[in-house]
Amino acid sequence: MALVRRAHDDDPTRRARAVGVRAMGGVAAAAAGPFLGGLSSLASWLLIFAVHLPVGVVGLHLLAGCRPRRERHRAGVSFGFSPRRAASW
């Protein structure tokens, strides 16, 4: 939800539409998941795991097309420490 708000912060109508599309996707997945899982388990229970890869690839492809524009980095703002240094602790 934070990403939707940040991407559509300027227009409340677009933000409401984006929230609706996100909710629709969640409802469709919740309704179709058990049904499709049951159908695929009729053939073989291993087919349930074969669904994850294509769905993930399609999801990443759709996500790449919906990226908001990046803001330019402000020169005076820094985190105060290097992320590499924090990861090495």
Protein backbone atom coordinates (compact mmCIF):
# COMPACT_ATOMS: atom_id res chain seq x y z
CA MET A 1 0.00 0.00 0.00
CA ALA A 2 2.90 2.35 0.67
CA LEU A 3 4.15 1.84 -2.89
CA VAL A 4 0.70 2.58 -4.30
CA ARG A 5 0.47 5.76 -2.26
CA ARG A 6 3.93 6.91 -3.26
CA ALA A 7 3.36 6.16 -6.94
CA HIS A 8 0.00 8.00 -7.04
CA ASP A 9 0.48 10.66 -4.40
CA ASP A 10 -0.57 13.52 -6.69
CA ASP A 11 -3.95 12.22 -7.89
CA PRO A 12 -6.50 10.69 -5.46
CA THR A 13 -8.55 9.23 -8.34
CA ARG A 14 -5.59 7.30 -9.75
CA ARG A 15 -4.65 6.16 -6.24
CA ALA A 16 -8.17 4.84 -5.63
CA ARG A 17 -8.09 2.99 -8.95
CA ALA A 18 -4.67 1.49 -8.10
CA VAL A 19 -5.93 0.30 -4.71
CA GLY A 20 -8.95 -1.27 -6.44
CA VAL A 21 -6.77 -3.08 -8.97
CA ARG A 22 -4.52 -4.34 -6.16
CA ALA A 23 -7.52 -5.60 -4.20
CA MET A 24 -8.98 -7.24 -7.31
CA GLY A 25 -5.73 -9.12 -7.88
CA GLY A 26 -5.72 -10.39 -4.31
CA VAL A 27 -9.32 -11.55 -4.51
CA ALA A 28 -8.74 -13.28 -7.86
CA ALA A 29 -5.68 -15.08 -6.50
CA ALA A 30 -7.50 -16.16 -3.34
CA ALA A 31 -10.41 -17.50 -5.39
CA ALA A 32 -8.44 -19.18 -8.17
CA GLY A 33 -5.58 -20.61 -6.09
CA PRO A 34 -7.37 -23.46 -4.32
CA PHE A 35 -9.39 -24.31 -7.42
CA LEU A 36 -6.38 -24.49 -9.73
CA GLY A 37 -4.34 -26.28 -7.08
CA GLY A 38 -7.04 -28.92 -6.75
CA LEU A 39 -7.26 -29.37 -10.52
CA SER A 40 -3.50 -29.76 -10.89
CA SER A 41 -3.32 -32.22 -8.01
CA LEU A 42 -5.74 -34.51 -9.84
CA ALA A 43 -3.01 -35.16 -12.42
CA SER A 44 -0.05 -35.13 -10.02
CA TRP A 45 0.59 -33.34 -6.76
CA LEU A 46 4.01 -32.26 -8.11
CA LEU A 47 2.28 -29.98 -10.62
CA ILE A 48 1.36 -27.65 -7.75
CA PHE A 49 5.02 -26.65 -7.52
CA ALA A 50 5.35 -26.17 -11.29
CA VAL A 51 2.88 -23.28 -11.13
CA HIS A 52 5.11 -21.00 -9.06
CA LEU A 53 7.78 -20.35 -11.70
CA PRO A 54 5.53 -19.13 -14.55
CA VAL A 55 3.38 -17.08 -12.19
CA GLY A 56 6.50 -15.48 -10.72
CA VAL A 57 7.92 -14.65 -14.15
CA VAL A 58 4.65 -13.07 -15.28
CA GLY A 59 4.40 -11.13 -12.02
CA LEU A 60 7.92 -9.75 -12.36
CA HIS A 61 7.23 -8.79 -15.96
CA LEU A 62 4.07 -6.91 -14.97
CA LEU A 63 5.85 -5.29 -12.04
CA ALA A 64 8.65 -4.02 -14.28
CA GLY A 65 6.11 -2.19 -16.43
CA CYS A 66 4.51 -0.42 -13.45
CA ARG A 67 7.60 1.16 -11.92
CA PRO A 68 7.18 4.77 -10.80
CA ARG A 69 9.71 7.34 -11.94
CA ARG A 70 12.80 7.54 -9.77
CA GLU A 71 13.51 10.72 -7.91
CA ARG A 72 16.93 12.25 -8.30
CA HIS A 73 19.31 11.72 -5.41
CA ARG A 74 19.78 14.87 -3.37
CA ALA A 75 23.46 15.64 -2.84
CA GLY A 76 23.13 16.75 0.78
CA VAL A 77 21.29 13.66 2.01
CA SER A 78 23.20 10.57 3.10
CA PHE A 79 22.62 7.62 5.37
CA GLY A 80 25.72 8.28 7.44
CA PHE A 81 27.21 4.84 6.92
CA SER A 82 28.00 2.60 4.02
CA PRO A 83 25.52 -0.21 3.34
CA ARG A 84 28.49 -2.51 2.74
CA ARG A 85 29.83 -1.69 6.18
CA ALA A 86 26.44 -2.42 7.74
CA ALA A 87 26.19 -5.74 5.87
CA SER A 88 29.66 -6.81 7.04
CA TRP A 89 28.78 -6.63 10.74
